[in-house]
Amino acid sequence: MSLHHNRHRSDLHTVPDPRLFLAHPGGGHSFGYLNEIRYQAERLEAGHIRLRFGEHFGPNRGYGVHHIIAEHRKSLKDHPDGIVMAAVRFVSNIVQPGAAIHCEFASIRGHHRPIVLSRPTGYVVLEPKHDTDSQQFYSVVTAVPSTKAKGPRVGTL
């Protein structure tokens, strides 16, 4: 586990590295796999779905578990292992085989953010990234307890 340390006054605080991948409740770092999707003239590359600890910069600005907790704490169901595991479980309950994939195709540069929608649980917004081996994966930006995904349905998990 990668951690970095921040010194605040005279205390030493250990904060998880925002890039830290969190484990799926069933094990491993993949929450699912998005197969390549072609929709009209657009293309979403294949890749594993991964959840990072992340950061929260303000309303509607951030990514990962930290951002999900900051934005949607009230809608997360209690988990015996705490709020982080409640957010991890929320994401894992949405990213399930058969969940719908939507996409607005709003990125001019082609870095489209697919949305995984699972009724009645909610949706997860994904962002394409590359790991240290230049392999494509999708990082969870946020998870929302709503079933109103934006963009056309372009496939399923």
C-alpha atoms as a PDB file:
ATOM      1  CA  MET A   1       0.000   0.000   0.000  1.00  0.00           C
ATOM      2  CA  SER A   2       1.404   3.349  -1.004  1.00  0.00           C
ATOM      3  CA  LEU A   3       1.051   6.146   1.541  1.00  0.00           C
ATOM      4  CA  HIS A   4       2.361   9.668   1.733  1.00  0.00           C
ATOM      5  CA  HIS A   5       2.761  11.747   4.843  1.00  0.00           C
ATOM      6  CA  ASN A   6       1.644  15.299   5.468  1.00  0.00           C
ATOM      7  CA  ARG A   7       3.007  17.266   8.414  1.00  0.00           C
ATOM      8  CA  HIS A   8       0.492  19.593  10.006  1.00  0.00           C
ATOM      9  CA  ARG A   9       1.752  21.618  12.924  1.00  0.00           C
ATOM     10  CA  SER A  10       3.746  19.190  15.068  1.00  0.00           C
ATOM     11  CA  ASP A  11       1.557  16.128  14.384  1.00  0.00           C
ATOM     12  CA  LEU A  12       2.296  13.483  11.790  1.00  0.00           C
ATOM     13  CA  HIS A  13      -0.793  12.485   9.793  1.00  0.00           C
ATOM     14  CA  THR A  14      -0.844   9.541   7.414  1.00  0.00           C
ATOM     15  CA  VAL A  15      -3.181  10.018   4.482  1.00  0.00           C
ATOM     16  CA  PRO A  16      -3.689   7.434   1.729  1.00  0.00           C
ATOM     17  CA  ASP A  17      -2.127   8.359  -1.578  1.00  0.00           C
ATOM     18  CA  PRO A  18      -4.987   9.593  -3.828  1.00  0.00           C
ATOM     19  CA  ARG A  19      -3.770   7.252  -6.601  1.00  0.00           C
ATOM     20  CA  LEU A  20      -4.087   4.199  -4.337  1.00  0.00           C
ATOM     21  CA  PHE A  21      -6.339   1.513  -5.875  1.00  0.00           C
ATOM     22  CA  LEU A  22      -8.899   0.103  -3.469  1.00  0.00           C
ATOM     23  CA  ALA A  23      -9.780  -3.570  -3.506  1.00  0.00           C
ATOM     24  CA  HIS A  24     -13.122  -4.889  -4.714  1.00  0.00           C
ATOM     25  CA  PRO A  25     -15.057  -6.563  -1.850  1.00  0.00           C
ATOM     26  CA  GLY A  26     -14.640  -9.879  -3.709  1.00  0.00           C
ATOM     27  CA  GLY A  27     -10.868  -9.391  -4.048  1.00  0.00           C
ATOM     28  CA  GLY A  28      -8.533  -7.894  -6.623  1.00  0.00           C
ATOM     29  CA  HIS A  29      -8.429  -4.334  -7.941  1.00  0.00           C
ATOM     30  CA  SER A  30     -10.842  -4.729 -10.854  1.00  0.00           C
ATOM     31  CA  PHE A  31     -14.475  -3.826 -10.228  1.00  0.00           C
ATOM     32  CA  GLY A  32     -15.444  -4.968 -13.700  1.00  0.00           C
ATOM     33  CA  TYR A  33     -14.409  -4.906 -17.321  1.00  0.00           C
ATOM     34  CA  LEU A  34     -15.672  -2.636 -20.059  1.00  0.00           C
ATOM     35  CA  ASN A  35     -15.378  -4.293 -23.467  1.00  0.00           C
ATOM     36  CA  GLU A  36     -14.587  -2.154 -26.486  1.00  0.00           C
ATOM     37  CA  ILE A  37     -17.676  -0.253 -27.614  1.00  0.00           C
ATOM     38  CA  ARG A  38     -18.212   1.302 -31.024  1.00  0.00           C
ATOM     39  CA  TYR A  39     -21.104   3.718 -31.336  1.00  0.00           C
ATOM     40  CA  GLN A  40     -21.600   5.573 -34.602  1.00  0.00           C
ATOM     41  CA  ALA A  41     -18.190   7.193 -35.300  1.00  0.00           C
ATOM     42  CA  GLU A  42     -17.062   6.978 -31.643  1.00  0.00           C
ATOM     43  CA  ARG A  43     -15.093   4.294 -29.792  1.00  0.00           C
ATOM     44  CA  LEU A  44     -14.575   3.414 -26.137  1.00  0.00           C
ATOM     45  CA  GLU A  45     -11.483   1.279 -25.570  1.00  0.00           C
ATOM     46  CA  ALA A  46     -11.678  -1.861 -23.452  1.00  0.00           C
ATOM     47  CA  GLY A  47     -10.330  -1.759 -19.910  1.00  0.00           C
ATOM     48  CA  HIS A  48     -10.740  -2.783 -16.296  1.00  0.00           C
ATOM     49  CA  ILE A  49     -12.726  -0.538 -13.956  1.00  0.00           C
ATOM     50  CA  ARG A  50     -10.711   0.516 -10.914  1.00  0.00           C
ATOM     51  CA  LEU A  51     -11.479   2.601  -7.849  1.00  0.00           C
ATOM     52  CA  ARG A  52      -8.915   4.976  -6.374  1.00  0.00           C
ATOM     53  CA  PHE A  53      -8.869   6.617  -2.949  1.00  0.00           C
ATOM     54  CA  GLY A  54      -9.037   9.899  -4.865  1.00  0.00           C
ATOM     55  CA  GLU A  55      -9.449  13.525  -3.910  1.00  0.00           C
ATOM     56  CA  HIS A  56     -12.285  15.985  -3.386  1.00  0.00           C
ATOM     57  CA  PHE A  57     -11.644  19.554  -4.549  1.00  0.00           C
ATOM     58  CA  GLY A  58     -15.145  20.970  -4.073  1.00  0.00           C
ATOM     59  CA  PRO A  59     -18.712  20.492  -5.324  1.00  0.00           C
ATOM     60  CA  ASN A  60     -18.696  18.347  -8.481  1.00  0.00           C
ATOM     61  CA  ARG A  61     -14.880  18.449  -8.562  1.00  0.00           C
ATOM     62  CA  GLY A  62     -12.851  15.392  -7.625  1.00  0.00           C
ATOM     63  CA  TYR A  63     -12.629  11.637  -8.100  1.00  0.00           C
ATOM     64  CA  GLY A  64     -12.600   8.336  -6.270  1.00  0.00           C
ATOM     65  CA  VAL A  65     -13.829   7.230  -2.861  1.00  0.00           C
ATOM     66  CA  HIS A  66     -12.861  10.477  -1.147  1.00  0.00           C
ATOM     67  CA  HIS A  67     -15.007  12.430  -3.632  1.00  0.00           C
ATOM     68  CA  ILE A  68     -17.943   9.972  -3.408  1.00  0.00           C
ATOM     69  CA  ILE A  69     -17.987  10.269   0.385  1.00  0.00           C
ATOM     70  CA  ALA A  70     -17.781  14.083   0.284  1.00  0.00           C
ATOM     71  CA  GLU A  71     -20.613  14.362  -2.258  1.00  0.00           C
ATOM     72  CA  HIS A  72     -22.943  11.509  -1.250  1.00  0.00           C
ATOM     73  CA  ARG A  73     -22.276  10.575   2.391  1.00  0.00           C
ATOM     74  CA  LYS A  74     -25.987  10.767   3.320  1.00  0.00           C
ATOM     75  CA  SER A  75     -26.972   8.205   0.691  1.00  0.00           C
ATOM     76  CA  LEU A  76     -24.289   5.647   1.609  1.00  0.00           C
ATOM     77  CA  LYS A  77     -25.598   2.751   3.663  1.00  0.00           C
ATOM     78  CA  ASP A  78     -23.761   2.023   6.905  1.00  0.00           C
ATOM     79  CA  HIS A  79     -21.053  -0.605   6.665  1.00  0.00           C
ATOM     80  CA  PRO A  80     -19.541  -2.300   9.739  1.00  0.00           C
ATOM     81  CA  ASP A  81     -16.040  -1.452   8.468  1.00  0.00           C
ATOM     82  CA  GLY A  82     -16.803   2.259   8.059  1.00  0.00           C
ATOM     83  CA  ILE A  83     -17.631   4.896   5.480  1.00  0.00           C
ATOM     84  CA  VAL A  84     -14.836   4.010   3.023  1.00  0.00           C
ATOM     85  CA  MET A  85     -16.110   0.434   2.766  1.00  0.00           C
ATOM     86  CA  ALA A  86     -19.673   1.769   2.403  1.00  0.00           C
ATOM     87  CA  ALA A  87     -18.525   3.756  -0.659  1.00  0.00           C
ATOM     88  CA  VAL A  88     -16.579   0.763  -2.041  1.00  0.00           C
ATOM     89  CA  ARG A  89     -19.650  -1.450  -1.629  1.00  0.00           C
ATOM     90  CA  PHE A  90     -21.867   1.190  -3.289  1.00  0.00           C
ATOM     91  CA  VAL A  91     -19.599   1.225  -6.368  1.00  0.00           C
ATOM     92  CA  SER A  92     -19.424  -2.582  -6.465  1.00  0.00           C
ATOM     93  CA  ASN A  93     -23.236  -2.824  -6.295  1.00  0.00           C
ATOM     94  CA  ILE A  94     -23.525  -0.600  -9.390  1.00  0.00           C
ATOM     95  CA  VAL A  95     -20.710  -2.094 -11.480  1.00  0.00           C
ATOM     96  CA  GLN A  96     -22.350  -5.470 -12.117  1.00  0.00           C
ATOM     97  CA  PRO A  97     -22.515  -7.725 -15.187  1.00  0.00           C
ATOM     98  CA  GLY A  98     -25.433  -6.639 -17.364  1.00  0.00           C
ATOM     99  CA  ALA A  99     -25.381  -2.997 -16.161  1.00  0.00           C
ATOM    100  CA  ALA A 100     -26.113  -0.486 -18.927  1.00  0.00           C
ATOM    101  CA  ILE A 101     -23.339   1.670 -20.381  1.00  0.00           C
ATOM    102  CA  HIS A 102     -24.235   5.219 -21.432  1.00  0.00           C
ATOM    103  CA  CYS A 103     -21.981   7.919 -22.868  1.00  0.00           C
ATOM    104  CA  GLU A 104     -22.476  11.554 -23.892  1.00  0.00           C
ATOM    105  CA  PHE A 105     -19.372  11.540 -26.122  1.00  0.00           C
ATOM    106  CA  ALA A 106     -18.755  15.106 -24.973  1.00  0.00           C
ATOM    107  CA  SER A 107     -14.929  15.120 -25.050  1.00  0.00           C
ATOM    108  CA  ILE A 108     -13.465  16.945 -28.034  1.00  0.00           C
ATOM    109  CA  ARG A 109     -10.205  14.990 -27.585  1.00  0.00           C
ATOM    110  CA  GLY A 110     -11.971  11.620 -27.504  1.00  0.00           C
ATOM    111  CA  HIS A 111     -11.432  11.002 -23.772  1.00  0.00           C
ATOM    112  CA  HIS A 112     -15.094  10.148 -23.296  1.00  0.00           C
ATOM    113  CA  ARG A 113     -16.449   9.357 -19.832  1.00  0.00           C
ATOM    114  CA  PRO A 114     -18.707   6.305 -19.940  1.00  0.00           C
ATOM    115  CA  ILE A 115     -21.425   5.933 -17.323  1.00  0.00           C
ATOM    116  CA  VAL A 116     -22.368   2.566 -15.794  1.00  0.00           C
ATOM    117  CA  LEU A 117     -26.050   2.539 -14.812  1.00  0.00           C
ATOM    118  CA  SER A 118     -27.596  -0.093 -12.555  1.00  0.00           C
ATOM    119  CA  ARG A 119     -31.258   0.291 -11.655  1.00  0.00           C
ATOM    120  CA  PRO A 120     -32.356   0.945  -8.923  1.00  0.00           C
ATOM    121  CA  THR A 121     -28.918   1.480  -7.299  1.00  0.00           C
ATOM    122  CA  GLY A 122     -27.426   4.400  -9.257  1.00  0.00           C
ATOM    123  CA  TYR A 123     -24.687   5.192 -11.717  1.00  0.00           C
ATOM    124  CA  VAL A 124     -20.894   5.413 -11.805  1.00  0.00           C
ATOM    125  CA  VAL A 125     -18.977   7.871 -13.986  1.00  0.00           C
ATOM    126  CA  LEU A 126     -15.700   6.523 -15.403  1.00  0.00           C
ATOM    127  CA  GLU A 127     -12.662   8.286 -16.828  1.00  0.00           C
ATOM    128  CA  PRO A 128     -10.179   6.610 -19.182  1.00  0.00           C
ATOM    129  CA  LYS A 129      -6.622   6.408 -17.811  1.00  0.00           C
ATOM    130  CA  HIS A 130      -3.424   4.504 -18.546  1.00  0.00           C
ATOM    131  CA  ASP A 131      -1.355   2.617 -15.973  1.00  0.00           C
ATOM    132  CA  THR A 132       2.447   2.516 -15.785  1.00  0.00           C
ATOM    133  CA  ASP A 133       2.494  -0.163 -18.526  1.00  0.00           C
ATOM    134  CA  SER A 134       0.384   2.089 -20.809  1.00  0.00           C
ATOM    135  CA  GLN A 135      -2.596  -0.247 -20.405  1.00  0.00           C
ATOM    136  CA  GLN A 136      -6.033   1.388 -20.610  1.00  0.00           C
ATOM    137  CA  PHE A 137      -8.249   1.267 -17.501  1.00  0.00           C
ATOM    138  CA  TYR A 138     -11.243   3.237 -16.296  1.00  0.00           C
ATOM    139  CA  SER A 139     -10.969   5.150 -13.033  1.00  0.00           C
ATOM    140  CA  VAL A 140     -14.170   5.748 -11.052  1.00  0.00           C
ATOM    141  CA  VAL A 141     -14.810   9.487 -10.900  1.00  0.00           C
ATOM    142  CA  THR A 142     -17.985   9.357  -8.825  1.00  0.00           C
ATOM    143  CA  ALA A 143     -20.977   7.209  -7.915  1.00  0.00           C
ATOM    144  CA  VAL A 144     -24.430   8.769  -7.731  1.00  0.00           C
ATOM    145  CA  PRO A 145     -27.650   7.356  -6.232  1.00  0.00           C
ATOM    146  CA  SER A 146     -29.711   8.320  -9.290  1.00  0.00           C
ATOM    147  CA  THR A 147     -30.930   6.336 -12.289  1.00  0.00           C
ATOM    148  CA  LYS A 148     -30.877   9.244 -14.746  1.00  0.00           C
ATOM    149  CA  ALA A 149     -27.685   8.685 -16.749  1.00  0.00           C
ATOM    150  CA  LYS A 150     -26.773  11.155 -19.490  1.00  0.00           C
ATOM    151  CA  GLY A 151     -26.215  10.154 -23.085  1.00  0.00           C
ATOM    152  CA  PRO A 152     -27.435   7.261 -25.190  1.00  0.00           C
ATOM    153  CA  ARG A 153     -27.184   3.657 -24.072  1.00  0.00           C
ATOM    154  CA  VAL A 154     -24.219   2.229 -25.974  1.00  0.00           C
ATOM    155  CA  GLY A 155     -23.825  -1.249 -24.452  1.00  0.00           C
ATOM    156  CA  THR A 156     -23.702  -3.354 -21.292  1.00  0.00           C
ATOM    157  CA  LEU A 157     -21.009  -4.609 -18.946  1.00  0.00           C
END
